[in-house]
Amino acid sequence: MKKLGTIVTESSTKLEGMLLNTVIDMDRQIQYLFQPKSLNPKTGLPVDKFWISDSRVLNGIDIEMTELPYNILGTLVEDIATGYKGMVTSLILHINGCVHVEVRSDKILDETGTVGKPIDVDIRRIKGEAVPILNEEELDISRKFNPSPEEYPSYHRDI
């Protein structure tokens, strides 16, 4: 896994930019949210972020991420806030150290016949057999040092 917050080169575009988020799927494939270091010449705003595979990251700093709760991948959980239930399909690591999970329900929408969208939830907001339970003091420390991030573009494979 590459260190978030570092400047790297993306192999297909040769753009330099920063790695902002990491997504680890159930099969342990790694994707990064890449923010090119470039501004749109018409608007002056940053160009769009996009997801890249681990193999497209050039000159990144390799790190070990042994403290991630890989054991919750593929387990059933419930979002405490909403009651939404499903399987943890991905771990999402944010640049500030906060860990989220993608939870996907097995429910099919009756009106359309489509599968419902997964939700992105802070790991501190779910419960399940494999989810570590933190006491109030541990939660306060976790929130202080790893605050939950703002919204970001939905994860999807752009390989």
Protein backbone atom coordinates (compact mmCIF):
# COMPACT_ATOMS: atom_id res chain seq x y z
CA MET A 1 0.00 0.00 0.00
CA LYS A 2 1.17 3.52 -0.77
CA LYS A 3 1.35 6.32 1.78
CA LEU A 4 -1.54 8.77 1.52
CA GLY A 5 -0.75 12.46 1.24
CA THR A 6 2.35 11.90 -0.88
CA ILE A 7 2.99 13.32 -4.33
CA VAL A 8 3.21 10.57 -6.95
CA THR A 9 3.07 10.23 -10.71
CA GLU A 10 0.12 8.46 -12.34
CA SER A 11 1.45 6.15 -15.06
CA SER A 12 -1.16 6.60 -17.82
CA THR A 13 -1.39 10.41 -17.79
CA LYS A 14 2.09 11.12 -16.37
CA LEU A 15 0.39 13.68 -14.11
CA GLU A 16 1.82 14.42 -10.69
CA GLY A 17 -0.63 14.57 -7.84
CA MET A 18 -1.54 13.45 -4.36
CA LEU A 19 -3.04 10.20 -3.08
CA LEU A 20 -6.06 11.14 -0.95
CA ASN A 21 -7.91 7.90 -0.15
CA THR A 22 -7.31 4.17 -0.36
CA VAL A 23 -10.00 1.57 -1.02
CA ILE A 24 -9.32 -2.08 -0.28
CA ASP A 25 -11.81 -4.56 -1.70
CA MET A 26 -12.71 -7.99 -0.33
CA ASP A 27 -10.08 -9.54 -2.61
CA ARG A 28 -7.53 -7.03 -1.19
CA GLN A 29 -7.23 -5.11 -4.46
CA ILE A 30 -6.10 -1.55 -3.78
CA GLN A 31 -7.35 1.64 -5.45
CA TYR A 32 -6.41 5.26 -4.70
CA LEU A 33 -8.26 8.52 -5.11
CA PHE A 34 -5.77 10.63 -7.07
CA GLN A 35 -5.85 14.44 -7.11
CA PRO A 36 -3.76 15.78 -10.00
CA LYS A 37 -1.64 18.82 -9.14
CA SER A 38 -3.21 20.91 -11.86
CA LEU A 39 -5.76 23.67 -12.28
CA ASN A 40 -8.42 23.99 -14.94
CA PRO A 41 -7.23 26.92 -17.12
CA LYS A 42 -10.80 28.15 -17.71
CA THR A 43 -12.08 28.07 -14.12
CA GLY A 44 -8.90 28.22 -12.07
CA LEU A 45 -10.25 25.35 -9.96
CA PRO A 46 -8.47 22.03 -9.35
CA VAL A 47 -8.99 19.40 -12.05
CA ASP A 48 -11.18 16.45 -11.13
CA LYS A 49 -9.94 13.67 -8.87
CA PHE A 50 -10.09 10.13 -10.19
CA TRP A 51 -9.58 6.57 -8.95
CA ILE A 52 -6.49 4.63 -10.01
CA SER A 53 -5.24 1.12 -9.37
CA ASP A 54 -2.14 0.44 -7.30
CA SER A 55 -0.23 -0.54 -10.44
CA ARG A 56 -0.71 2.97 -11.90
CA VAL A 57 1.09 4.69 -9.02
CA LEU A 58 4.67 5.50 -9.89
CA ASN A 59 7.29 6.49 -7.29
CA GLY A 60 4.93 6.08 -4.29
CA ILE A 61 6.16 5.35 -0.78
CA ASP A 62 5.28 1.79 0.25
CA ILE A 63 3.94 1.30 3.77
CA GLU A 64 2.51 -1.61 5.78
CA MET A 65 -1.05 -1.22 6.94
CA THR A 66 -1.33 -4.02 9.44
CA GLU A 67 -3.75 -2.24 11.79
CA LEU A 68 -6.64 -2.14 9.31
CA PRO A 69 -9.57 -4.40 10.26
CA TYR A 70 -9.31 -6.69 7.22
CA ASN A 71 -11.29 -9.32 9.14
CA ILE A 72 -14.54 -7.36 8.72
CA LEU A 73 -14.41 -7.63 4.92
CA GLY A 74 -17.20 -9.96 3.81
CA THR A 75 -19.02 -9.86 7.17
CA LEU A 76 -22.56 -8.67 7.85
CA VAL A 77 -22.99 -5.37 9.70
CA GLU A 78 -25.61 -2.80 10.58
CA ASP A 79 -25.31 0.98 10.44
CA ILE A 80 -26.24 2.08 13.96
CA ALA A 81 -27.57 5.45 12.76
CA THR A 82 -29.91 4.23 10.02
CA GLY A 83 -30.47 0.50 10.57
CA TYR A 84 -29.15 -0.28 7.06
CA LYS A 85 -27.83 -3.86 6.99
CA GLY A 86 -25.47 -5.48 4.53
CA MET A 87 -22.05 -6.91 3.82
CA VAL A 88 -18.80 -4.98 4.18
CA THR A 89 -17.39 -5.01 0.64
CA SER A 90 -14.56 -2.48 1.01
CA LEU A 91 -12.40 -0.68 3.53
CA ILE A 92 -11.82 3.00 2.79
CA LEU A 93 -8.84 4.72 4.38
CA HIS A 94 -8.89 8.52 4.34
CA ILE A 95 -5.86 10.78 4.36
CA ASN A 96 -6.58 11.77 7.99
CA GLY A 97 -6.51 8.13 9.16
CA CYS A 98 -10.26 7.67 9.44
CA VAL A 99 -11.54 4.27 8.29
CA HIS A 100 -14.86 3.88 6.51
CA VAL A 101 -16.52 0.80 5.10
CA GLU A 102 -18.70 0.28 2.06
CA VAL A 103 -21.78 -1.71 3.03
CA ARG A 104 -23.94 -3.33 0.37
CA SER A 105 -27.38 -4.79 1.01
CA ASP A 106 -28.61 -7.92 -0.74
CA LYS A 107 -32.05 -6.32 -1.21
CA ILE A 108 -33.46 -5.77 -4.69
CA LEU A 109 -35.72 -2.78 -5.26
CA ASP A 110 -39.21 -4.06 -6.07
CA GLU A 111 -40.21 -1.15 -8.30
CA THR A 112 -37.16 -1.31 -10.59
CA GLY A 113 -35.60 -4.72 -10.05
CA THR A 114 -32.22 -3.13 -9.42
CA VAL A 115 -29.83 -3.73 -6.57
CA GLY A 116 -29.68 -0.89 -4.07
CA LYS A 117 -26.61 1.33 -3.90
CA PRO A 118 -23.98 0.64 -1.26
CA ILE A 119 -23.44 3.13 1.54
CA ASP A 120 -20.17 4.58 2.83
CA VAL A 121 -20.12 4.58 6.64
CA ASP A 122 -17.54 5.51 9.27
CA ILE A 123 -16.43 2.23 10.88
CA ARG A 124 -17.27 3.70 14.28
CA ARG A 125 -20.92 3.79 13.18
CA ILE A 126 -21.41 0.09 12.46
CA LYS A 127 -21.98 -2.98 14.56
CA GLY A 128 -21.41 -6.62 13.73
CA GLU A 129 -19.69 -9.75 15.03
CA ALA A 130 -16.29 -8.81 13.58
CA VAL A 131 -16.46 -5.09 14.39
CA PRO A 132 -14.33 -3.96 17.34
CA ILE A 133 -16.37 -2.27 20.06
CA LEU A 134 -14.87 0.95 21.44
CA ASN A 135 -15.81 2.48 24.79
CA GLU A 136 -16.64 6.21 25.00
CA GLU A 137 -13.06 7.22 25.86
CA GLU A 138 -11.65 5.24 22.92
CA LEU A 139 -14.30 6.76 20.61
CA ASP A 140 -13.43 10.29 21.75
CA ILE A 141 -9.72 9.70 21.12
CA SER A 142 -10.43 8.11 17.74
CA ARG A 143 -12.67 11.01 16.66
CA LYS A 144 -10.11 13.58 17.81
CA PHE A 145 -7.14 12.06 15.98
CA ASN A 146 -9.00 10.57 12.98
CA PRO A 147 -12.01 12.80 12.24
CA SER A 148 -14.45 11.58 9.65
CA PRO A 149 -13.91 13.32 6.29
CA GLU A 150 -16.18 15.31 4.05
CA GLU A 151 -17.85 13.72 1.06
CA TYR A 152 -15.67 12.53 -1.82
CA PRO A 153 -16.34 11.02 -5.25
CA SER A 154 -17.86 7.56 -5.10
CA TYR A 155 -15.39 4.75 -5.51
CA HIS A 156 -15.43 2.89 -8.77
CA ARG A 157 -12.79 1.01 -10.66
CA ASP A 158 -11.08 3.06 -13.35
CA ILE A 159 -8.58 0.48 -14.50
